[in-house]
Amino acid sequence: MSVSNPIPLILTAVGSVIGTVAVLGYYGYLHMARPEDALLLADFTMLKTIPGEDYRVSLKPARQVAQCVDGVVVLFDTEQKGLTGVLVNDQKQAVRCMGQEPPQVER
């Protein structure tokens, strides 16, 4: 099969891609990440508590709240709905919760 004019095929392909992206965006399957959606690990610092020494923290609470989910610390942002993240260390290892067993791998 030989096509003498490839322009309609190219326009059809480009239109199909644009239409697909538009439909996926309309139904919420696409999420365009914005810089304000990201929480960096560098934004958090652990204060080491030493018996007998005082430490100071702000009276104003953080925008994030933590919850233990399946033995892992998960942070939820109270101002941006749907923004959640798992607390990890510098080696991308999840921070575990005390008093809960980590999930077991089924074999």
PDB file of N, CA and C in Angstrom:
ATOM      1  N   MET A   1       0.840  -1.161   0.000  1.00  0.00           N
ATOM      2  CA  MET A   1       0.000   0.000   0.000  1.00  0.00           C
ATOM      3  C   MET A   1       0.890   1.230   0.000  1.00  0.00           C
ATOM      4  N   SER A   2       0.738   2.077  -0.933  1.00  0.00           N
ATOM      5  CA  SER A   2       1.536   3.292  -1.005  1.00  0.00           C
ATOM      6  C   SER A   2       0.638   4.495  -0.758  1.00  0.00           C
ATOM      7  N   VAL A   3       1.153   5.417   0.009  1.00  0.00           N
ATOM      8  CA  VAL A   3       0.406   6.618   0.322  1.00  0.00           C
ATOM      9  C   VAL A   3       1.112   7.773  -0.366  1.00  0.00           C
ATOM     10  N   SER A   4       0.395   8.493  -1.185  1.00  0.00           N
ATOM     11  CA  SER A   4       1.018   9.587  -1.921  1.00  0.00           C
ATOM     12  C   SER A   4       1.116  10.857  -1.083  1.00  0.00           C
ATOM     13  N   ASN A   5       0.205  11.033  -0.124  1.00  0.00           N
ATOM     14  CA  ASN A   5       0.217  12.239   0.696  1.00  0.00           C
ATOM     15  C   ASN A   5       0.195  11.840   2.176  1.00  0.00           C
ATOM     16  N   PRO A   6       1.351  11.920   2.893  1.00  0.00           N
ATOM     17  CA  PRO A   6       1.399  11.484   4.297  1.00  0.00           C
ATOM     18  C   PRO A   6       0.853  12.517   5.283  1.00  0.00           C
ATOM     19  N   ILE A   7       0.530  13.712   4.847  1.00  0.00           N
ATOM     20  CA  ILE A   7       0.087  14.767   5.758  1.00  0.00           C
ATOM     21  C   ILE A   7      -1.188  14.384   6.524  1.00  0.00           C
ATOM     22  N   PRO A   8      -2.212  13.787   5.892  1.00  0.00           N
ATOM     23  CA  PRO A   8      -3.388  13.387   6.684  1.00  0.00           C
ATOM     24  C   PRO A   8      -3.065  12.354   7.766  1.00  0.00           C
ATOM     25  N   LEU A   9      -2.138  11.445   7.497  1.00  0.00           N
ATOM     26  CA  LEU A   9      -1.743  10.461   8.520  1.00  0.00           C
ATOM     27  C   LEU A   9      -1.039  11.146   9.686  1.00  0.00           C
ATOM     28  N   ILE A  10      -0.180  12.100   9.401  1.00  0.00           N
ATOM     29  CA  ILE A  10       0.532  12.818  10.456  1.00  0.00           C
ATOM     30  C   ILE A  10      -0.443  13.640  11.293  1.00  0.00           C
ATOM     31  N   LEU A  11      -1.373  14.331  10.631  1.00  0.00           N
ATOM     32  CA  LEU A  11      -2.363  15.122  11.364  1.00  0.00           C
ATOM     33  C   LEU A  11      -3.276  14.241  12.216  1.00  0.00           C
ATOM     34  N   THR A  12      -3.618  13.062  11.700  1.00  0.00           N
ATOM     35  CA  THR A  12      -4.436  12.117  12.465  1.00  0.00           C
ATOM     36  C   THR A  12      -3.690  11.640  13.708  1.00  0.00           C
ATOM     37  N   ALA A  13      -2.404  11.328  13.569  1.00  0.00           N
ATOM     38  CA  ALA A  13      -1.597  10.875  14.706  1.00  0.00           C
ATOM     39  C   ALA A  13      -1.473  11.976  15.760  1.00  0.00           C
ATOM     40  N   VAL A  14      -1.188  13.205  15.322  1.00  0.00           N
ATOM     41  CA  VAL A  14      -1.048  14.314  16.266  1.00  0.00           C
ATOM     42  C   VAL A  14      -2.390  14.593  16.944  1.00  0.00           C
ATOM     43  N   GLY A  15      -3.474  14.574  16.189  1.00  0.00           N
ATOM     44  CA  GLY A  15      -4.797  14.784  16.765  1.00  0.00           C
ATOM     45  C   GLY A  15      -5.173  13.703  17.759  1.00  0.00           C
ATOM     46  N   SER A  16      -4.793  12.459  17.473  1.00  0.00           N
ATOM     47  CA  SER A  16      -5.080  11.352  18.393  1.00  0.00           C
ATOM     48  C   SER A  16      -4.342  11.526  19.713  1.00  0.00           C
ATOM     49  N   VAL A  17      -3.089  11.945  19.648  1.00  0.00           N
ATOM     50  CA  VAL A  17      -2.307  12.146  20.875  1.00  0.00           C
ATOM     51  C   VAL A  17      -2.900  13.291  21.687  1.00  0.00           C
ATOM     52  N   ILE A  18      -3.221  14.403  21.034  1.00  0.00           N
ATOM     53  CA  ILE A  18      -3.803  15.545  21.741  1.00  0.00           C
ATOM     54  C   ILE A  18      -5.149  15.170  22.347  1.00  0.00           C
ATOM     55  N   GLY A  19      -5.970  14.451  21.601  1.00  0.00           N
ATOM     56  CA  GLY A  19      -7.269  14.014  22.119  1.00  0.00           C
ATOM     57  C   GLY A  19      -7.128  13.071  23.301  1.00  0.00           C
ATOM     58  N   THR A  20      -6.184  12.149  23.233  1.00  0.00           N
ATOM     59  CA  THR A  20      -5.959  11.206  24.325  1.00  0.00           C
ATOM     60  C   THR A  20      -5.514  11.942  25.587  1.00  0.00           C
ATOM     61  N   VAL A  21      -4.571  12.864  25.452  1.00  0.00           N
ATOM     62  CA  VAL A  21      -4.095  13.624  26.609  1.00  0.00           C
ATOM     63  C   VAL A  21      -5.233  14.456  27.198  1.00  0.00           C
ATOM     64  N   ALA A  22      -6.060  15.058  26.338  1.00  0.00           N
ATOM     65  CA  ALA A  22      -7.176  15.866  26.820  1.00  0.00           C
ATOM     66  C   ALA A  22      -8.175  15.019  27.608  1.00  0.00           C
ATOM     67  N   VAL A  23      -8.508  13.844  27.117  1.00  0.00           N
ATOM     68  CA  VAL A  23      -9.464  12.967  27.806  1.00  0.00           C
ATOM     69  C   VAL A  23      -8.875  12.468  29.131  1.00  0.00           C
ATOM     70  N   LEU A  24      -7.597  12.066  29.127  1.00  0.00           N
ATOM     71  CA  LEU A  24      -6.968  11.608  30.374  1.00  0.00           C
ATOM     72  C   LEU A  24      -6.908  12.735  31.397  1.00  0.00           C
ATOM     73  N   GLY A  25      -6.624  13.950  30.961  1.00  0.00           N
ATOM     74  CA  GLY A  25      -6.607  15.090  31.874  1.00  0.00           C
ATOM     75  C   GLY A  25      -7.986  15.403  32.418  1.00  0.00           C
ATOM     76  N   TYR A  26      -9.003  15.312  31.590  1.00  0.00           N
ATOM     77  CA  TYR A  26     -10.378  15.593  32.007  1.00  0.00           C
ATOM     78  C   TYR A  26     -10.843  14.617  33.092  1.00  0.00           C
ATOM     79  N   TYR A  27     -10.489  13.349  32.959  1.00  0.00           N
ATOM     80  CA  TYR A  27     -10.923  12.337  33.923  1.00  0.00           C
ATOM     81  C   TYR A  27      -9.973  12.202  35.113  1.00  0.00           C
ATOM     82  N   GLY A  28      -8.932  13.021  35.164  1.00  0.00           N
ATOM     83  CA  GLY A  28      -8.059  13.047  36.333  1.00  0.00           C
ATOM     84  C   GLY A  28      -6.962  12.014  36.346  1.00  0.00           C
ATOM     85  N   TYR A  29      -6.659  11.417  35.223  1.00  0.00           N
ATOM     86  CA  TYR A  29      -5.589  10.430  35.182  1.00  0.00           C
ATOM     87  C   TYR A  29      -4.214  11.062  34.995  1.00  0.00           C
ATOM     88  N   LEU A  30      -4.151  12.335  34.673  1.00  0.00           N
ATOM     89  CA  LEU A  30      -2.880  13.046  34.536  1.00  0.00           C
ATOM     90  C   LEU A  30      -2.731  14.008  35.696  1.00  0.00           C
ATOM     91  N   HIS A  31      -1.547  14.058  36.238  1.00  0.00           N
ATOM     92  CA  HIS A  31      -1.261  15.000  37.310  1.00  0.00           C
ATOM     93  C   HIS A  31       0.008  15.740  36.946  1.00  0.00           C
ATOM     94  N   MET A  32      -0.111  17.028  36.776  1.00  0.00           N
ATOM     95  CA  MET A  32       1.050  17.860  36.481  1.00  0.00           C
ATOM     96  C   MET A  32       1.641  18.302  37.808  1.00  0.00           C
ATOM     97  N   ALA A  33       2.820  17.804  38.126  1.00  0.00           N
ATOM     98  CA  ALA A  33       3.454  18.128  39.401  1.00  0.00           C
ATOM     99  C   ALA A  33       3.921  19.575  39.404  1.00  0.00           C
ATOM    100  N   ARG A  34       3.655  20.234  40.512  1.00  0.00           N
ATOM    101  CA  ARG A  34       4.082  21.610  40.700  1.00  0.00           C
ATOM    102  C   ARG A  34       5.135  21.631  41.800  1.00  0.00           C
ATOM    103  N   PRO A  35       6.028  22.591  41.792  1.00  0.00           N
ATOM    104  CA  PRO A  35       7.061  22.646  42.838  1.00  0.00           C
ATOM    105  C   PRO A  35       6.482  22.713  44.245  1.00  0.00           C
ATOM    106  N   GLU A  36       5.334  23.374  44.419  1.00  0.00           N
ATOM    107  CA  GLU A  36       4.765  23.470  45.763  1.00  0.00           C
ATOM    108  C   GLU A  36       4.148  22.159  46.234  1.00  0.00           C
ATOM    109  N   ASP A  37       3.995  21.177  45.334  1.00  0.00           N
ATOM    110  CA  ASP A  37       3.475  19.869  45.732  1.00  0.00           C
ATOM    111  C   ASP A  37       4.538  18.999  46.388  1.00  0.00           C
ATOM    112  N   ALA A  38       5.784  19.356  46.238  1.00  0.00           N
ATOM    113  CA  ALA A  38       6.876  18.503  46.714  1.00  0.00           C
ATOM    114  C   ALA A  38       7.301  18.910  48.121  1.00  0.00           C
ATOM    115  N   LEU A  39       7.504  17.944  48.962  1.00  0.00           N
ATOM    116  CA  LEU A  39       8.105  18.159  50.267  1.00  0.00           C
ATOM    117  C   LEU A  39       9.465  17.478  50.240  1.00  0.00           C
ATOM    118  N   LEU A  40      10.493  18.231  50.482  1.00  0.00           N
ATOM    119  CA  LEU A  40      11.833  17.664  50.471  1.00  0.00           C
ATOM    120  C   LEU A  40      12.206  17.166  51.847  1.00  0.00           C
ATOM    121  N   LEU A  41      12.955  16.091  51.884  1.00  0.00           N
ATOM    122  CA  LEU A  41      13.423  15.559  53.155  1.00  0.00           C
ATOM    123  C   LEU A  41      14.274  16.595  53.872  1.00  0.00           C
ATOM    124  N   ALA A  42      14.950  17.458  53.124  1.00  0.00           N
ATOM    125  CA  ALA A  42      15.782  18.489  53.735  1.00  0.00           C
ATOM    126  C   ALA A  42      14.943  19.484  54.530  1.00  0.00           C
ATOM    127  N   ASP A  43      13.634  19.520  54.307  1.00  0.00           N
ATOM    128  CA  ASP A  43      12.771  20.428  55.048  1.00  0.00           C
ATOM    129  C   ASP A  43      12.522  19.952  56.479  1.00  0.00           C
ATOM    130  N   PHE A  44      12.938  18.756  56.808  1.00  0.00           N
ATOM    131  CA  PHE A  44      12.711  18.192  58.131  1.00  0.00           C
ATOM    132  C   PHE A  44      14.040  17.928  58.816  1.00  0.00           C
ATOM    133  N   THR A  45      14.065  18.165  60.118  1.00  0.00           N
ATOM    134  CA  THR A  45      15.270  17.942  60.906  1.00  0.00           C
ATOM    135  C   THR A  45      14.877  17.181  62.165  1.00  0.00           C
ATOM    136  N   MET A  46      15.694  16.219  62.554  1.00  0.00           N
ATOM    137  CA  MET A  46      15.442  15.493  63.788  1.00  0.00           C
ATOM    138  C   MET A  46      16.188  16.180  64.916  1.00  0.00           C
ATOM    139  N   LEU A  47      15.469  16.515  65.966  1.00  0.00           N
ATOM    140  CA  LEU A  47      16.088  17.089  67.144  1.00  0.00           C
ATOM    141  C   LEU A  47      16.411  15.953  68.114  1.00  0.00           C
ATOM    142  N   LYS A  48      17.673  15.778  68.381  1.00  0.00           N
ATOM    143  CA  LYS A  48      18.086  14.721  69.304  1.00  0.00           C
ATOM    144  C   LYS A  48      17.837  15.194  70.732  1.00  0.00           C
ATOM    145  N   THR A  49      17.110  14.384  71.473  1.00  0.00           N
ATOM    146  CA  THR A  49      16.817  14.735  72.857  1.00  0.00           C
ATOM    147  C   THR A  49      17.823  14.054  73.773  1.00  0.00           C
ATOM    148  N   ILE A  50      18.385  14.857  74.649  1.00  0.00           N
ATOM    149  CA  ILE A  50      19.362  14.357  75.617  1.00  0.00           C
ATOM    150  C   ILE A  50      18.762  14.557  77.001  1.00  0.00           C
ATOM    151  N   PRO A  51      18.734  13.516  77.819  1.00  0.00           N
ATOM    152  CA  PRO A  51      18.141  13.655  79.153  1.00  0.00           C
ATOM    153  C   PRO A  51      18.786  14.801  79.928  1.00  0.00           C
ATOM    154  N   GLY A  52      17.940  15.658  80.507  1.00  0.00           N
ATOM    155  CA  GLY A  52      18.419  16.771  81.313  1.00  0.00           C
ATOM    156  C   GLY A  52      18.652  18.049  80.531  1.00  0.00           C
ATOM    157  N   GLU A  53      18.618  17.989  79.214  1.00  0.00           N
ATOM    158  CA  GLU A  53      18.817  19.196  78.403  1.00  0.00           C
ATOM    159  C   GLU A  53      17.508  19.622  77.779  1.00  0.00           C
ATOM    160  N   ASP A  54      17.311  20.938  77.734  1.00  0.00           N
ATOM    161  CA  ASP A  54      16.104  21.485  77.134  1.00  0.00           C
ATOM    162  C   ASP A  54      16.310  21.684  75.633  1.00  0.00           C
ATOM    163  N   TYR A  55      15.231  21.627  74.925  1.00  0.00           N
ATOM    164  CA  TYR A  55      15.266  21.972  73.506  1.00  0.00           C
ATOM    165  C   TYR A  55      14.053  22.830  73.224  1.00  0.00           C
ATOM    166  N   ARG A  56      14.152  23.670  72.198  1.00  0.00           N
ATOM    167  CA  ARG A  56      13.084  24.610  71.904  1.00  0.00           C
ATOM    168  C   ARG A  56      12.487  24.308  70.540  1.00  0.00           C
ATOM    169  N   VAL A  57      11.171  24.348  70.503  1.00  0.00           N
ATOM    170  CA  VAL A  57      10.448  24.209  69.247  1.00  0.00           C
ATOM    171  C   VAL A  57       9.400  25.314  69.178  1.00  0.00           C
ATOM    172  N   SER A  58       8.955  25.598  67.996  1.00  0.00           N
ATOM    173  CA  SER A  58       7.949  26.632  67.792  1.00  0.00           C
ATOM    174  C   SER A  58       6.609  26.180  68.365  1.00  0.00           C
ATOM    175  N   LEU A  59       5.848  27.135  68.876  1.00  0.00           N
ATOM    176  CA  LEU A  59       4.512  26.827  69.368  1.00  0.00           C
ATOM    177  C   LEU A  59       3.533  26.618  68.226  1.00  0.00           C
ATOM    178  N   LYS A  60       3.844  27.185  67.061  1.00  0.00           N
ATOM    179  CA  LYS A  60       2.991  27.018  65.892  1.00  0.00           C
ATOM    180  C   LYS A  60       3.215  25.628  65.309  1.00  0.00           C
ATOM    181  N   PRO A  61       2.153  24.830  65.135  1.00  0.00           N
ATOM    182  CA  PRO A  61       2.344  23.473  64.618  1.00  0.00           C
ATOM    183  C   PRO A  61       2.688  23.471  63.132  1.00  0.00           C
ATOM    184  N   ALA A  62       3.310  22.399  62.689  1.00  0.00           N
ATOM    185  CA  ALA A  62       3.668  22.232  61.280  1.00  0.00           C
ATOM    186  C   ALA A  62       2.419  21.983  60.452  1.00  0.00           C
ATOM    187  N   ARG A  63       2.532  22.224  59.148  1.00  0.00           N
ATOM    188  CA  ARG A  63       1.410  21.978  58.242  1.00  0.00           C
ATOM    189  C   ARG A  63       1.185  20.487  58.030  1.00  0.00           C
ATOM    190  N   GLN A  64       2.163  19.676  58.365  1.00  0.00           N
ATOM    191  CA  GLN A  64       2.061  18.245  58.135  1.00  0.00           C
ATOM    192  C   GLN A  64       1.713  17.518  59.432  1.00  0.00           C
ATOM    193  N   VAL A  65       0.979  16.433  59.286  1.00  0.00           N
ATOM    194  CA  VAL A  65       0.723  15.536  60.403  1.00  0.00           C
ATOM    195  C   VAL A  65       1.208  14.151  59.996  1.00  0.00           C
ATOM    196  N   ALA A  66       1.662  13.395  60.974  1.00  0.00           N
ATOM    197  CA  ALA A  66       2.197  12.062  60.699  1.00  0.00           C
ATOM    198  C   ALA A  66       1.242  11.007  61.224  1.00  0.00           C
ATOM    199  N   GLN A  67       1.223   9.904  60.519  1.00  0.00           N
ATOM    200  CA  GLN A  67       0.402   8.769  60.936  1.00  0.00           C
ATOM    201  C   GLN A  67       1.168   7.501  60.602  1.00  0.00           C
ATOM    202  N   CYS A  68       0.956   6.488  61.401  1.00  0.00           N
ATOM    203  CA  CYS A  68       1.598   5.209  61.158  1.00  0.00           C
ATOM    204  C   CYS A  68       0.689   4.364  60.268  1.00  0.00           C
ATOM    205  N   VAL A  69       1.158   4.028  59.073  1.00  0.00           N
ATOM    206  CA  VAL A  69       0.386   3.219  58.136  1.00  0.00           C
ATOM    207  C   VAL A  69       1.232   2.010  57.758  1.00  0.00           C
ATOM    208  N   ASP A  70       0.778   0.832  58.109  1.00  0.00           N
ATOM    209  CA  ASP A  70       1.496  -0.414  57.829  1.00  0.00           C
ATOM    210  C   ASP A  70       2.928  -0.383  58.353  1.00  0.00           C
ATOM    211  N   GLY A  71       3.122   0.236  59.531  1.00  0.00           N
ATOM    212  CA  GLY A  71       4.440   0.252  60.151  1.00  0.00           C
ATOM    213  C   GLY A  71       5.388   1.293  59.595  1.00  0.00           C
ATOM    214  N   VAL A  72       4.907   2.219  58.749  1.00  0.00           N
ATOM    215  CA  VAL A  72       5.745   3.242  58.131  1.00  0.00           C
ATOM    216  C   VAL A  72       5.167   4.614  58.465  1.00  0.00           C
ATOM    217  N   VAL A  73       6.030   5.599  58.718  1.00  0.00           N
ATOM    218  CA  VAL A  73       5.578   6.957  59.007  1.00  0.00           C
ATOM    219  C   VAL A  73       5.165   7.636  57.703  1.00  0.00           C
ATOM    220  N   VAL A  74       3.902   8.042  57.635  1.00  0.00           N
ATOM    221  CA  VAL A  74       3.361   8.722  56.461  1.00  0.00           C
ATOM    222  C   VAL A  74       2.976  10.135  56.872  1.00  0.00           C
ATOM    223  N   LEU A  75       3.400  11.117  56.068  1.00  0.00           N
ATOM    224  CA  LEU A  75       3.077  12.520  56.344  1.00  0.00           C
ATOM    225  C   LEU A  75       1.926  12.958  55.462  1.00  0.00           C
ATOM    226  N   PHE A  76       0.983  13.669  56.064  1.00  0.00           N
ATOM    227  CA  PHE A  76      -0.152  14.231  55.343  1.00  0.00           C
ATOM    228  C   PHE A  76      -0.087  15.744  55.475  1.00  0.00           C
ATOM    229  N   ASP A  77      -0.252  16.464  54.381  1.00  0.00           N
ATOM    230  CA  ASP A  77      -0.272  17.921  54.406  1.00  0.00           C
ATOM    231  C   ASP A  77      -1.693  18.375  54.718  1.00  0.00           C
ATOM    232  N   THR A  78      -1.837  19.252  55.696  1.00  0.00           N
ATOM    233  CA  THR A  78      -3.175  19.691  56.100  1.00  0.00           C
ATOM    234  C   THR A  78      -3.719  20.809  55.226  1.00  0.00           C
ATOM    235  N   GLU A  79      -2.866  21.477  54.452  1.00  0.00           N
ATOM    236  CA  GLU A  79      -3.319  22.587  53.615  1.00  0.00           C
ATOM    237  C   GLU A  79      -3.566  22.186  52.175  1.00  0.00           C
ATOM    238  N   GLN A  80      -2.834  21.207  51.681  1.00  0.00           N
ATOM    239  CA  GLN A  80      -3.016  20.750  50.304  1.00  0.00           C
ATOM    240  C   GLN A  80      -3.603  19.351  50.347  1.00  0.00           C
ATOM    241  N   LYS A  81      -4.856  19.239  50.015  1.00  0.00           N
ATOM    242  CA  LYS A  81      -5.532  17.945  50.074  1.00  0.00           C
ATOM    243  C   LYS A  81      -4.887  16.973  49.081  1.00  0.00           C
ATOM    244  N   GLY A  82      -4.716  15.752  49.497  1.00  0.00           N
ATOM    245  CA  GLY A  82      -4.172  14.720  48.626  1.00  0.00           C
ATOM    246  C   GLY A  82      -2.657  14.660  48.606  1.00  0.00           C
ATOM    247  N   LEU A  83      -1.971  15.587  49.288  1.00  0.00           N
ATOM    248  CA  LEU A  83      -0.511  15.562  49.300  1.00  0.00           C
ATOM    249  C   LEU A  83      -0.059  14.716  50.477  1.00  0.00           C
ATOM    250  N   THR A  84       0.490  13.560  50.179  1.00  0.00           N
ATOM    251  CA  THR A  84       1.000  12.665  51.207  1.00  0.00           C
ATOM    252  C   THR A  84       2.382  12.191  50.803  1.00  0.00           C
ATOM    253  N   GLY A  85       3.122  11.690  51.757  1.00  0.00           N
ATOM    254  CA  GLY A  85       4.441  11.164  51.455  1.00  0.00           C
ATOM    255  C   GLY A  85       4.923  10.269  52.574  1.00  0.00           C
ATOM    256  N   VAL A  86       5.840   9.406  52.244  1.00  0.00           N
ATOM    257  CA  VAL A  86       6.454   8.498  53.207  1.00  0.00           C
ATOM    258  C   VAL A  86       7.753   9.143  53.678  1.00  0.00           C
ATOM    259  N   LEU A  87       7.980   9.161  54.980  1.00  0.00           N
ATOM    260  CA  LEU A  87       9.202   9.719  55.539  1.00  0.00           C
ATOM    261  C   LEU A  87      10.336   8.722  55.334  1.00  0.00           C
ATOM    262  N   VAL A  88      11.410   9.165  54.677  1.00  0.00           N
ATOM    263  CA  VAL A  88      12.559   8.312  54.395  1.00  0.00           C
ATOM    264  C   VAL A  88      13.826   8.997  54.882  1.00  0.00           C
ATOM    265  N   ASN A  89      14.896   8.211  55.038  1.00  0.00           N
ATOM    266  CA  ASN A  89      16.184   8.795  55.397  1.00  0.00           C
ATOM    267  C   ASN A  89      16.973   9.105  54.128  1.00  0.00           C
ATOM    268  N   ASP A  90      18.249   9.484  54.293  1.00  0.00           N
ATOM    269  CA  ASP A  90      19.041   9.878  53.125  1.00  0.00           C
ATOM    270  C   ASP A  90      19.340   8.723  52.179  1.00  0.00           C
ATOM    271  N   GLN A  91      19.105   7.497  52.608  1.00  0.00           N
ATOM    272  CA  GLN A  91      19.315   6.333  51.747  1.00  0.00           C
ATOM    273  C   GLN A  91      17.994   5.791  51.203  1.00  0.00           C
ATOM    274  N   LYS A  92      16.941   6.592  51.266  1.00  0.00           N
ATOM    275  CA  LYS A  92      15.606   6.253  50.762  1.00  0.00           C
ATOM    276  C   LYS A  92      15.008   5.043  51.476  1.00  0.00           C
ATOM    277  N   GLN A  93      15.376   4.846  52.753  1.00  0.00           N
ATOM    278  CA  GLN A  93      14.802   3.779  53.564  1.00  0.00           C
ATOM    279  C   GLN A  93      13.663   4.374  54.380  1.00  0.00           C
ATOM    280  N   ALA A  94      12.531   3.708  54.390  1.00  0.00           N
ATOM    281  CA  ALA A  94      11.353   4.215  55.091  1.00  0.00           C
ATOM    282  C   ALA A  94      11.581   4.211  56.597  1.00  0.00           C
ATOM    283  N   VAL A  95      11.142   5.277  57.254  1.00  0.00           N
ATOM    284  CA  VAL A  95      11.219   5.383  58.709  1.00  0.00           C
ATOM    285  C   VAL A  95      10.061   4.581  59.290  1.00  0.00           C
ATOM    286  N   ARG A  96      10.376   3.658  60.178  1.00  0.00           N
ATOM    287  CA  ARG A  96       9.369   2.771  60.772  1.00  0.00           C
ATOM    288  C   ARG A  96       8.755   3.377  62.025  1.00  0.00           C
ATOM    289  N   CYS A  97       7.565   2.918  62.367  1.00  0.00           N
ATOM    290  CA  CYS A  97       6.873   3.338  63.591  1.00  0.00           C
ATOM    291  C   CYS A  97       7.205   2.366  64.706  1.00  0.00           C
ATOM    292  N   MET A  98       7.295   2.904  65.915  1.00  0.00           N
ATOM    293  CA  MET A  98       7.543   2.035  67.063  1.00  0.00           C
ATOM    294  C   MET A  98       6.240   1.372  67.485  1.00  0.00           C
ATOM    295  N   GLY A  99       6.337   0.159  67.961  1.00  0.00           N
ATOM    296  CA  GLY A  99       5.177  -0.533  68.482  1.00  0.00           C
ATOM    297  C   GLY A  99       4.359  -1.241  67.425  1.00  0.00           C
ATOM    298  N   GLN A 100       4.782  -1.160  66.183  1.00  0.00           N
ATOM    299  CA  GLN A 100       4.078  -1.871  65.115  1.00  0.00           C
ATOM    300  C   GLN A 100       5.081  -2.692  64.334  1.00  0.00           C
ATOM    301  N   GLU A 101       4.676  -3.878  64.002  1.00  0.00           N
ATOM    302  CA  GLU A 101       5.537  -4.741  63.203  1.00  0.00           C
ATOM    303  C   GLU A 101       5.523  -4.292  61.751  1.00  0.00           C
ATOM    304  N   PRO A 102       6.669  -4.307  61.091  1.00  0.00           N
ATOM    305  CA  PRO A 102       6.663  -3.983  59.663  1.00  0.00           C
ATOM    306  C   PRO A 102       5.934  -5.072  58.886  1.00  0.00           C
ATOM    307  N   PRO A 103       5.395  -4.738  57.714  1.00  0.00           N
ATOM    308  CA  PRO A 103       4.701  -5.745  56.926  1.00  0.00           C
ATOM    309  C   PRO A 103       5.635  -6.897  56.552  1.00  0.00           C
ATOM    310  N   GLN A 104       5.131  -8.086  56.638  1.00  0.00           N
ATOM    311  CA  GLN A 104       5.920  -9.276  56.314  1.00  0.00           C
ATOM    312  C   GLN A 104       5.776  -9.631  54.846  1.00  0.00           C
ATOM    313  N   VAL A 105       6.871 -10.059  54.225  1.00  0.00           N
ATOM    314  CA  VAL A 105       6.836 -10.479  52.849  1.00  0.00           C
ATOM    315  C   VAL A 105       6.327 -11.916  52.802  1.00  0.00           C
ATOM    316  N   GLU A 106       5.284 -12.136  52.007  1.00  0.00           N
ATOM    317  CA  GLU A 106       4.729 -13.490  51.876  1.00  0.00           C
ATOM    318  C   GLU A 106       5.593 -14.283  50.927  1.00  0.00           C
ATOM    319  N   ARG A 107       5.896 -15.518  51.314  1.00  0.00           N
ATOM    320  CA  ARG A 107       6.736 -16.375  50.461  1.00  0.00           C
ATOM    321  C   ARG A 107       5.996 -17.588  50.053  1.00  0.00           C
TER     322      ARG A 107
END
